[in-house]
PDB file of N, CA and C in Angstrom:
ATOM      1  N   UNK A   1     137.776 -14.031 195.407  1.00  0.00           N
ATOM      2  CA  UNK A   1     139.037 -13.331 195.324  1.00  0.00           C
ATOM      3  C   UNK A   1     139.383 -12.984 193.879  1.00  0.00           C
ATOM      4  N   UNK A   2     139.007 -13.835 192.937  1.00  0.00           N
ATOM      5  CA  UNK A   2     139.281 -13.552 191.537  1.00  0.00           C
ATOM      6  C   UNK A   2     138.576 -12.302 191.065  1.00  0.00           C
ATOM      7  N   UNK A   3     137.344 -12.109 191.495  1.00  0.00           N
ATOM      8  CA  UNK A   3     136.596 -10.917 191.114  1.00  0.00           C
ATOM      9  C   UNK A   3     137.261  -9.684 191.703  1.00  0.00           C
ATOM     10  N   UNK A   4     137.718  -9.784 192.925  1.00  0.00           N
ATOM     11  CA  UNK A   4     138.373  -8.664 193.576  1.00  0.00           C
ATOM     12  C   UNK A   4     139.653  -8.269 192.847  1.00  0.00           C
ATOM     13  N   UNK A   5     140.424  -9.252 192.396  1.00  0.00           N
ATOM     14  CA  UNK A   5     141.643  -8.955 191.651  1.00  0.00           C
ATOM     15  C   UNK A   5     141.319  -8.317 190.316  1.00  0.00           C
ATOM     16  N   UNK A   6     140.260  -8.784 189.677  1.00  0.00           N
ATOM     17  CA  UNK A   6     139.873  -8.191 188.406  1.00  0.00           C
ATOM     18  C   UNK A   6     139.472  -6.735 188.584  1.00  0.00           C
ATOM     19  N   UNK A   7     138.901  -6.407 189.736  1.00  0.00           N
ATOM     20  CA  UNK A   7     138.518  -5.020 189.980  1.00  0.00           C
ATOM     21  C   UNK A   7     139.732  -4.127 190.153  1.00  0.00           C
ATOM     22  N   UNK A   8     140.886  -4.693 190.460  1.00  0.00           N
ATOM     23  CA  UNK A   8     142.106  -3.923 190.657  1.00  0.00           C
ATOM     24  C   UNK A   8     142.702  -3.466 189.326  1.00  0.00           C
ATOM     25  N   UNK A   9     142.504  -4.219 188.265  1.00  0.00           N
ATOM     26  CA  UNK A   9     143.124  -3.906 186.985  1.00  0.00           C
ATOM     27  C   UNK A   9     142.734  -2.514 186.474  1.00  0.00           C
ATOM     28  N   UNK A  10     141.439  -2.126 186.458  1.00  0.00           N
ATOM     29  CA  UNK A  10     141.129  -0.766 186.011  1.00  0.00           C
ATOM     30  C   UNK A  10     141.775   0.308 186.904  1.00  0.00           C
ATOM     31  N   UNK A  11     141.856   0.035 188.198  1.00  0.00           N
ATOM     32  CA  UNK A  11     142.478   0.986 189.106  1.00  0.00           C
ATOM     33  C   UNK A  11     143.985   1.025 188.905  1.00  0.00           C
ATOM     34  N   UNK A  12     144.583  -0.087 188.539  1.00  0.00           N
ATOM     35  CA  UNK A  12     146.021  -0.118 188.284  1.00  0.00           C
ATOM     36  C   UNK A  12     146.358   0.833 187.136  1.00  0.00           C
ATOM     37  N   UNK A  13     145.520   0.862 186.111  1.00  0.00           N
ATOM     38  CA  UNK A  13     145.743   1.783 185.003  1.00  0.00           C
ATOM     39  C   UNK A  13     145.682   3.226 185.487  1.00  0.00           C
ATOM     40  N   UNK A  14     144.757   3.512 186.388  1.00  0.00           N
ATOM     41  CA  UNK A  14     144.623   4.843 186.957  1.00  0.00           C
ATOM     42  C   UNK A  14     145.873   5.208 187.764  1.00  0.00           C
ATOM     43  N   UNK A  15     146.362   4.256 188.552  1.00  0.00           N
ATOM     44  CA  UNK A  15     147.569   4.482 189.349  1.00  0.00           C
ATOM     45  C   UNK A  15     148.760   4.732 188.427  1.00  0.00           C
ATOM     46  N   UNK A  16     148.838   3.959 187.344  1.00  0.00           N
ATOM     47  CA  UNK A  16     149.953   4.115 186.415  1.00  0.00           C
ATOM     48  C   UNK A  16     149.949   5.498 185.779  1.00  0.00           C
ATOM     49  N   UNK A  17     148.766   6.019 185.452  1.00  0.00           N
ATOM     50  CA  UNK A  17     148.675   7.359 184.870  1.00  0.00           C
ATOM     51  C   UNK A  17     149.123   8.408 185.877  1.00  0.00           C
ATOM     52  N   UNK A  18     148.719   8.244 187.130  1.00  0.00           N
ATOM     53  CA  UNK A  18     149.060   9.215 188.164  1.00  0.00           C
ATOM     54  C   UNK A  18     150.543   9.168 188.499  1.00  0.00           C
ATOM     55  N   UNK A  19     151.143   8.000 188.505  1.00  0.00           N
ATOM     56  CA  UNK A  19     152.519   7.878 188.971  1.00  0.00           C
ATOM     57  C   UNK A  19     153.493   8.654 188.111  1.00  0.00           C
ATOM     58  N   UNK A  20     153.211   8.820 186.817  1.00  0.00           N
ATOM     59  CA  UNK A  20     154.147   9.523 185.955  1.00  0.00           C
ATOM     60  C   UNK A  20     154.268  10.998 186.320  1.00  0.00           C
ATOM     61  N   UNK A  21     153.253  11.541 186.980  1.00  0.00           N
ATOM     62  CA  UNK A  21     153.312  12.944 187.353  1.00  0.00           C
ATOM     63  C   UNK A  21     153.974  13.163 188.715  1.00  0.00           C
ATOM     64  N   UNK A  22     154.247  12.107 189.467  1.00  0.00           N
ATOM     65  CA  UNK A  22     154.786  12.266 190.811  1.00  0.00           C
ATOM     66  C   UNK A  22     156.267  12.610 190.832  1.00  0.00           C
ATOM     67  N   UNK A  23     157.076  11.909 190.043  1.00  0.00           N
ATOM     68  CA  UNK A  23     158.517  12.141 190.116  1.00  0.00           C
ATOM     69  C   UNK A  23     159.131  12.185 188.735  1.00  0.00           C
ATOM     70  N   UNK A  24     160.217  12.915 188.635  1.00  0.00           N
ATOM     71  CA  UNK A  24     160.947  12.985 187.369  1.00  0.00           C
ATOM     72  C   UNK A  24     161.562  11.631 187.038  1.00  0.00           C
ATOM     73  N   UNK A  25     161.859  10.839 188.071  1.00  0.00           N
ATOM     74  CA  UNK A  25     162.469   9.522 187.902  1.00  0.00           C
ATOM     75  C   UNK A  25     161.588   8.597 187.068  1.00  0.00           C
ATOM     76  N   UNK A  26     160.304   8.830 187.061  1.00  0.00           N
ATOM     77  CA  UNK A  26     159.385   7.982 186.320  1.00  0.00           C
ATOM     78  C   UNK A  26     159.531   8.150 184.806  1.00  0.00           C
ATOM     79  N   UNK A  27     160.159   9.211 184.369  1.00  0.00           N
ATOM     80  CA  UNK A  27     160.267   9.471 182.939  1.00  0.00           C
ATOM     81  C   UNK A  27     161.119   8.440 182.208  1.00  0.00           C
ATOM     82  N   UNK A  28     161.937   7.688 182.936  1.00  0.00           N
ATOM     83  CA  UNK A  28     162.806   6.715 182.280  1.00  0.00           C
ATOM     84  C   UNK A  28     162.172   5.327 182.169  1.00  0.00           C
ATOM     85  N   UNK A  29     160.857   5.242 182.324  1.00  0.00           N
ATOM     86  CA  UNK A  29     160.151   3.971 182.165  1.00  0.00           C
ATOM     87  C   UNK A  29     159.793   3.818 180.688  1.00  0.00           C
ATOM     88  N   UNK A  30     160.306   2.781 180.024  1.00  0.00           N
ATOM     89  CA  UNK A  30     159.998   2.593 178.595  1.00  0.00           C
ATOM     90  C   UNK A  30     158.520   2.302 178.362  1.00  0.00           C
ATOM     91  N   UNK A  31     158.071   2.632 177.182  1.00  0.00           N
ATOM     92  CA  UNK A  31     156.688   2.357 176.805  1.00  0.00           C
ATOM     93  C   UNK A  31     156.418   0.861 176.962  1.00  0.00           C
ATOM     94  N   UNK A  32     155.248   0.528 177.526  1.00  0.00           N
ATOM     95  CA  UNK A  32     154.885  -0.872 177.717  1.00  0.00           C
ATOM     96  C   UNK A  32     155.406  -1.457 179.019  1.00  0.00           C
ATOM     97  N   UNK A  33     155.967  -0.613 179.883  1.00  0.00           N
ATOM     98  CA  UNK A  33     156.508  -1.055 181.166  1.00  0.00           C
ATOM     99  C   UNK A  33     155.927  -0.209 182.287  1.00  0.00           C
ATOM    100  N   UNK A  34     156.129  -0.674 183.495  1.00  0.00           N
ATOM    101  CA  UNK A  34     155.667   0.059 184.676  1.00  0.00           C
ATOM    102  C   UNK A  34     156.726  -0.056 185.764  1.00  0.00           C
ATOM    103  N   UNK A  35     156.891   1.041 186.520  1.00  0.00           N
ATOM    104  CA  UNK A  35     157.811   1.014 187.653  1.00  0.00           C
ATOM    105  C   UNK A  35     157.044   0.561 188.880  1.00  0.00           C
ATOM    106  N   UNK A  36     157.628  -0.355 189.633  1.00  0.00           N
ATOM    107  CA  UNK A  36     157.032  -0.811 190.891  1.00  0.00           C
ATOM    108  C   UNK A  36     158.104  -0.733 191.974  1.00  0.00           C
ATOM    109  N   UNK A  37     157.651  -0.519 193.189  1.00  0.00           N
ATOM    110  CA  UNK A  37     158.554  -0.478 194.336  1.00  0.00           C
ATOM    111  C   UNK A  37     158.306  -1.720 195.159  1.00  0.00           C
ATOM    112  N   UNK A  38     159.367  -2.453 195.453  1.00  0.00           N
ATOM    113  CA  UNK A  38     159.245  -3.755 196.104  1.00  0.00           C
ATOM    114  C   UNK A  38     160.096  -3.780 197.362  1.00  0.00           C
ATOM    115  N   UNK A  39     159.528  -4.356 198.397  1.00  0.00           N
ATOM    116  CA  UNK A  39     160.265  -4.531 199.634  1.00  0.00           C
ATOM    117  C   UNK A  39     159.348  -4.385 200.821  1.00  0.00           C
ATOM    118  N   UNK A  40     159.750  -4.958 201.928  1.00  0.00           N
ATOM    119  CA  UNK A  40     158.931  -4.884 203.128  1.00  0.00           C
ATOM    120  C   UNK A  40     159.266  -3.634 203.943  1.00  0.00           C
ATOM    121  N   UNK A  41     160.532  -3.287 204.027  1.00  0.00           N
ATOM    122  CA  UNK A  41     160.939  -2.094 204.783  1.00  0.00           C
ATOM    123  C   UNK A  41     161.613  -1.103 203.824  1.00  0.00           C
ATOM    124  N   UNK A  42     162.764  -1.472 203.320  1.00  0.00           N
ATOM    125  CA  UNK A  42     163.459  -0.660 202.324  1.00  0.00           C
ATOM    126  C   UNK A  42     162.944  -1.086 200.954  1.00  0.00           C
ATOM    127  N   UNK A  43     162.497  -0.146 200.146  1.00  0.00           N
ATOM    128  CA  UNK A  43     161.897  -0.496 198.858  1.00  0.00           C
ATOM    129  C   UNK A  43     162.848  -0.173 197.711  1.00  0.00           C
ATOM    130  N   UNK A  44     162.885  -1.104 196.760  1.00  0.00           N
ATOM    131  CA  UNK A  44     163.730  -0.949 195.582  1.00  0.00           C
ATOM    132  C   UNK A  44     162.829  -0.820 194.362  1.00  0.00           C
ATOM    133  N   UNK A  45     163.229   0.000 193.428  1.00  0.00           N
ATOM    134  CA  UNK A  45     162.441   0.247 192.220  1.00  0.00           C
ATOM    135  C   UNK A  45     162.816  -0.755 191.133  1.00  0.00           C
ATOM    136  N   UNK A  46     161.780  -1.357 190.526  1.00  0.00           N
ATOM    137  CA  UNK A  46     161.950  -2.268 189.400  1.00  0.00           C
ATOM    138  C   UNK A  46     161.071  -1.778 188.260  1.00  0.00           C
ATOM    139  N   UNK A  47     161.502  -2.002 187.044  1.00  0.00           N
ATOM    140  CA  UNK A  47     160.701  -1.690 185.864  1.00  0.00           C
ATOM    141  C   UNK A  47     160.367  -3.014 185.199  1.00  0.00           C
ATOM    142  N   UNK A  48     159.066  -3.306 185.082  1.00  0.00           N
ATOM    143  CA  UNK A  48     158.618  -4.590 184.539  1.00  0.00           C
ATOM    144  C   UNK A  48     157.635  -4.358 183.395  1.00  0.00           C
ATOM    145  N   UNK A  49     157.518  -5.311 182.486  1.00  0.00           N
ATOM    146  CA  UNK A  49     156.544  -5.186 181.394  1.00  0.00           C
ATOM    147  C   UNK A  49     155.117  -5.143 181.926  1.00  0.00           C
ATOM    148  N   UNK A  50     154.275  -4.361 181.302  1.00  0.00           N
ATOM    149  CA  UNK A  50     152.868  -4.257 181.697  1.00  0.00           C
ATOM    150  C   UNK A  50     152.174  -5.610 181.573  1.00  0.00           C
ATOM    151  N   UNK A  51     152.637  -6.460 180.678  1.00  0.00           N
ATOM    152  CA  UNK A  51     152.017  -7.774 180.500  1.00  0.00           C
ATOM    153  C   UNK A  51     152.026  -8.591 181.788  1.00  0.00           C
ATOM    154  N   UNK A  52     152.968  -8.310 182.700  1.00  0.00           N
ATOM    155  CA  UNK A  52     153.014  -9.021 183.981  1.00  0.00           C
ATOM    156  C   UNK A  52     151.747  -8.785 184.797  1.00  0.00           C
ATOM    157  N   UNK A  53     151.093  -7.635 184.608  1.00  0.00           N
ATOM    158  CA  UNK A  53     149.894  -7.307 185.385  1.00  0.00           C
ATOM    159  C   UNK A  53     148.773  -8.312 185.180  1.00  0.00           C
ATOM    160  N   UNK A  54     148.776  -8.998 184.050  1.00  0.00           N
ATOM    161  CA  UNK A  54     147.727  -9.978 183.760  1.00  0.00           C
ATOM    162  C   UNK A  54     148.037 -11.379 184.273  1.00  0.00           C
ATOM    163  N   UNK A  55     149.255 -11.629 184.683  1.00  0.00           N
ATOM    164  CA  UNK A  55     149.645 -12.964 185.133  1.00  0.00           C
ATOM    165  C   UNK A  55     149.065 -13.240 186.525  1.00  0.00           C
ATOM    166  N   UNK A  56     148.471 -14.429 186.744  1.00  0.00           N
ATOM    167  CA  UNK A  56     147.854 -14.744 188.043  1.00  0.00           C
ATOM    168  C   UNK A  56     148.788 -14.580 189.242  1.00  0.00           C
ATOM    169  N   UNK A  57     150.044 -14.947 189.115  1.00  0.00           N
ATOM    170  CA  UNK A  57     150.985 -14.801 190.232  1.00  0.00           C
ATOM    171  C   UNK A  57     151.237 -13.331 190.558  1.00  0.00           C
ATOM    172  N   UNK A  58     151.326 -12.517 189.524  1.00  0.00           N
ATOM    173  CA  UNK A  58     151.553 -11.086 189.735  1.00  0.00           C
ATOM    174  C   UNK A  58     150.286 -10.443 190.303  1.00  0.00           C
ATOM    175  N   UNK A  59     149.119 -10.906 189.854  1.00  0.00           N
ATOM    176  CA  UNK A  59     147.863 -10.375 190.380  1.00  0.00           C
ATOM    177  C   UNK A  59     147.710 -10.687 191.864  1.00  0.00           C
ATOM    178  N   UNK A  60     148.270 -11.801 192.291  1.00  0.00           N
ATOM    179  CA  UNK A  60     148.256 -12.138 193.713  1.00  0.00           C
ATOM    180  C   UNK A  60     149.045 -11.084 194.501  1.00  0.00           C
ATOM    181  N   UNK A  61     150.198 -10.682 193.965  1.00  0.00           N
ATOM    182  CA  UNK A  61     150.977  -9.623 194.598  1.00  0.00           C
ATOM    183  C   UNK A  61     150.210  -8.299 194.619  1.00  0.00           C
ATOM    184  N   UNK A  62     149.510  -8.018 193.520  1.00  0.00           N
ATOM    185  CA  UNK A  62     148.710  -6.794 193.468  1.00  0.00           C
ATOM    186  C   UNK A  62     147.601  -6.820 194.513  1.00  0.00           C
ATOM    187  N   UNK A  63     147.053  -8.004 194.763  1.00  0.00           N
ATOM    188  CA  UNK A  63     146.039  -8.153 195.805  1.00  0.00           C
ATOM    189  C   UNK A  63     146.604  -7.830 197.179  1.00  0.00           C
ATOM    190  N   UNK A  64     147.840  -8.273 197.445  1.00  0.00           N
ATOM    191  CA  UNK A  64     148.502  -7.957 198.713  1.00  0.00           C
ATOM    192  C   UNK A  64     148.741  -6.448 198.824  1.00  0.00           C
ATOM    193  N   UNK A  65     149.122  -5.831 197.707  1.00  0.00           N
ATOM    194  CA  UNK A  65     149.351  -4.386 197.701  1.00  0.00           C
ATOM    195  C   UNK A  65     148.055  -3.641 197.995  1.00  0.00           C
ATOM    196  N   UNK A  66     146.957  -4.128 197.406  1.00  0.00           N
ATOM    197  CA  UNK A  66     145.658  -3.493 197.645  1.00  0.00           C
ATOM    198  C   UNK A  66     145.255  -3.615 199.111  1.00  0.00           C
ATOM    199  N   UNK A  67     145.477  -4.792 199.704  1.00  0.00           N
ATOM    200  CA  UNK A  67     145.131  -5.001 201.110  1.00  0.00           C
ATOM    201  C   UNK A  67     145.937  -4.086 202.025  1.00  0.00           C
ATOM    202  N   UNK A  68     147.218  -3.917 201.719  1.00  0.00           N
ATOM    203  CA  UNK A  68     148.081  -3.134 202.602  1.00  0.00           C
ATOM    204  C   UNK A  68     147.959  -1.633 202.386  1.00  0.00           C
ATOM    205  N   UNK A  69     147.905  -1.200 201.125  1.00  0.00           N
ATOM    206  CA  UNK A  69     147.951   0.224 200.830  1.00  0.00           C
ATOM    207  C   UNK A  69     146.653   0.785 200.265  1.00  0.00           C
ATOM    208  N   UNK A  70     145.708  -0.067 199.866  1.00  0.00           N
ATOM    209  CA  UNK A  70     144.546   0.439 199.148  1.00  0.00           C
ATOM    210  C   UNK A  70     145.043   1.010 197.831  1.00  0.00           C
ATOM    211  N   UNK A  71     144.638   2.227 197.534  1.00  0.00           N
ATOM    212  CA  UNK A  71     145.122   2.861 196.310  1.00  0.00           C
ATOM    213  C   UNK A  71     146.006   4.055 196.629  1.00  0.00           C
ATOM    214  N   UNK A  72     146.500   4.124 197.864  1.00  0.00           N
ATOM    215  CA  UNK A  72     147.443   5.165 198.265  1.00  0.00           C
ATOM    216  C   UNK A  72     148.808   4.503 198.427  1.00  0.00           C
ATOM    217  N   UNK A  73     149.681   4.743 197.499  1.00  0.00           N
ATOM    218  CA  UNK A  73     151.001   4.121 197.526  1.00  0.00           C
ATOM    219  C   UNK A  73     152.030   5.156 197.955  1.00  0.00           C
ATOM    220  N   UNK A  74     152.710   4.918 199.062  1.00  0.00           N
ATOM    221  CA  UNK A  74     153.586   5.922 199.664  1.00  0.00           C
ATOM    222  C   UNK A  74     154.758   6.376 198.795  1.00  0.00           C
ATOM    223  N   UNK A  75     155.214   5.558 197.885  1.00  0.00           N
ATOM    224  CA  UNK A  75     156.351   5.919 197.031  1.00  0.00           C
ATOM    225  C   UNK A  75     155.914   6.779 195.846  1.00  0.00           C
ATOM    226  N   UNK A  76     154.614   6.936 195.640  1.00  0.00           N
ATOM    227  CA  UNK A  76     154.135   7.667 194.476  1.00  0.00           C
ATOM    228  C   UNK A  76     153.939   6.763 193.274  1.00  0.00           C
ATOM    229  N   UNK A  77     154.304   5.514 193.404  1.00  0.00           N
ATOM    230  CA  UNK A  77     154.122   4.527 192.349  1.00  0.00           C
ATOM    231  C   UNK A  77     153.576   3.260 192.970  1.00  0.00           C
ATOM    232  N   UNK A  78     153.347   2.284 192.168  1.00  0.00           N
ATOM    233  CA  UNK A  78     152.802   1.017 192.633  1.00  0.00           C
ATOM    234  C   UNK A  78     153.788   0.350 193.585  1.00  0.00           C
ATOM    235  N   UNK A  79     153.372   0.136 194.836  1.00  0.00           N
ATOM    236  CA  UNK A  79     154.233  -0.448 195.857  1.00  0.00           C
ATOM    237  C   UNK A  79     153.755  -1.855 196.178  1.00  0.00           C
ATOM    238  N   UNK A  80     154.660  -2.817 196.119  1.00  0.00           N
ATOM    239  CA  UNK A  80     154.318  -4.214 196.366  1.00  0.00           C
ATOM    240  C   UNK A  80     155.026  -4.679 197.636  1.00  0.00           C
ATOM    241  N   UNK A  81     154.247  -5.051 198.664  1.00  0.00           N
ATOM    242  CA  UNK A  81     154.845  -5.431 199.945  1.00  0.00           C
ATOM    243  C   UNK A  81     155.266  -6.903 199.992  1.00  0.00           C
ATOM    244  N   UNK A  82     156.407  -7.204 199.421  1.00  0.00           N
ATOM    245  CA  UNK A  82     156.945  -8.561 199.509  1.00  0.00           C
ATOM    246  C   UNK A  82     158.459  -8.466 199.534  1.00  0.00           C
ATOM    247  N   UNK A  83     159.099  -9.552 199.869  1.00  0.00           N
ATOM    248  CA  UNK A  83     160.565  -9.558 199.898  1.00  0.00           C
ATOM    249  C   UNK A  83     161.104  -9.377 198.476  1.00  0.00           C
ATOM    250  N   UNK A  84     162.180  -8.659 198.384  1.00  0.00           N
ATOM    251  CA  UNK A  84     162.796  -8.395 197.086  1.00  0.00           C
ATOM    252  C   UNK A  84     163.200  -9.684 196.381  1.00  0.00           C
ATOM    253  N   UNK A  85     163.777 -10.644 197.117  1.00  0.00           N
ATOM    254  CA  UNK A  85     164.212 -11.896 196.485  1.00  0.00           C
ATOM    255  C   UNK A  85     163.029 -12.698 195.964  1.00  0.00           C
ATOM    256  N   UNK A  86     161.882 -12.642 196.641  1.00  0.00           N
ATOM    257  CA  UNK A  86     160.678 -13.343 196.167  1.00  0.00           C
ATOM    258  C   UNK A  86     160.161 -12.697 194.880  1.00  0.00           C
ATOM    259  N   UNK A  87     160.234 -11.371 194.805  1.00  0.00           N
ATOM    260  CA  UNK A  87     159.792 -10.657 193.609  1.00  0.00           C
ATOM    261  C   UNK A  87     160.706 -10.982 192.426  1.00  0.00           C
ATOM    262  N   UNK A  88     161.998 -10.978 192.655  1.00  0.00           N
ATOM    263  CA  UNK A  88     162.962 -11.300 191.595  1.00  0.00           C
ATOM    264  C   UNK A  88     162.744 -12.731 191.103  1.00  0.00           C
ATOM    265  N   UNK A  89     162.497 -13.652 192.030  1.00  0.00           N
ATOM    266  CA  UNK A  89     162.227 -15.040 191.661  1.00  0.00           C
ATOM    267  C   UNK A  89     160.983 -15.135 190.785  1.00  0.00           C
ATOM    268  N   UNK A  90     159.909 -14.463 191.196  1.00  0.00           N
ATOM    269  CA  UNK A  90     158.664 -14.494 190.425  1.00  0.00           C
ATOM    270  C   UNK A  90     158.866 -13.900 189.029  1.00  0.00           C
ATOM    271  N   UNK A  91     159.468 -12.723 188.950  1.00  0.00           N
ATOM    272  CA  UNK A  91     159.631 -12.088 187.639  1.00  0.00           C
ATOM    273  C   UNK A  91     160.574 -12.860 186.727  1.00  0.00           C
ATOM    274  N   UNK A  92     161.552 -13.535 187.299  1.00  0.00           N
ATOM    275  CA  UNK A  92     162.439 -14.352 186.455  1.00  0.00           C
ATOM    276  C   UNK A  92     161.679 -15.545 185.870  1.00  0.00           C
ATOM    277  N   UNK A  93     160.733 -16.099 186.639  1.00  0.00           N
ATOM    278  CA  UNK A  93     159.908 -17.189 186.111  1.00  0.00           C
ATOM    279  C   UNK A  93     158.945 -16.679 185.059  1.00  0.00           C
ATOM    280  N   UNK A  94     158.461 -15.456 185.193  1.00  0.00           N
ATOM    281  CA  UNK A  94     157.547 -14.885 184.197  1.00  0.00           C
ATOM    282  C   UNK A  94     158.269 -14.587 182.892  1.00  0.00           C
ATOM    283  N   UNK A  95     159.548 -14.240 182.955  1.00  0.00           N
ATOM    284  CA  UNK A  95     160.336 -13.971 181.747  1.00  0.00           C
ATOM    285  C   UNK A  95     160.499 -15.227 180.908  1.00  0.00           C
ATOM    286  N   UNK A  96     160.586 -16.374 181.571  1.00  0.00           N
ATOM    287  CA  UNK A  96     160.782 -17.651 180.878  1.00  0.00           C
ATOM    288  C   UNK A  96     159.500 -18.080 180.182  1.00  0.00           C
ATOM    289  N   UNK A  97     158.357 -17.784 180.797  1.00  0.00           N
ATOM    290  CA  UNK A  97     157.048 -18.223 180.255  1.00  0.00           C
ATOM    291  C   UNK A  97     156.738 -17.598 178.936  1.00  0.00           C
TER     292      UNK A  97
END
């Protein structure tokens, strides 16, 4: 599974490049950050530091996204299929680290 997650990182960069051309809303993402859409049914947009992509807990979420969506993300940006409160909990712990 670790090798599979590592294979996602180069593709994540590709997705990030593509997402900026999808919507005008993406223009407000600061340098060094990425917009992600989180939620199981209704999705909410979050802007997180790119450094989160390297964290093992965040990579686990990326693995779930890969399993569910492959590299086709319906929102036009990186979509993570998890509960919003679980995502907020994870990112708040990453901010402390």
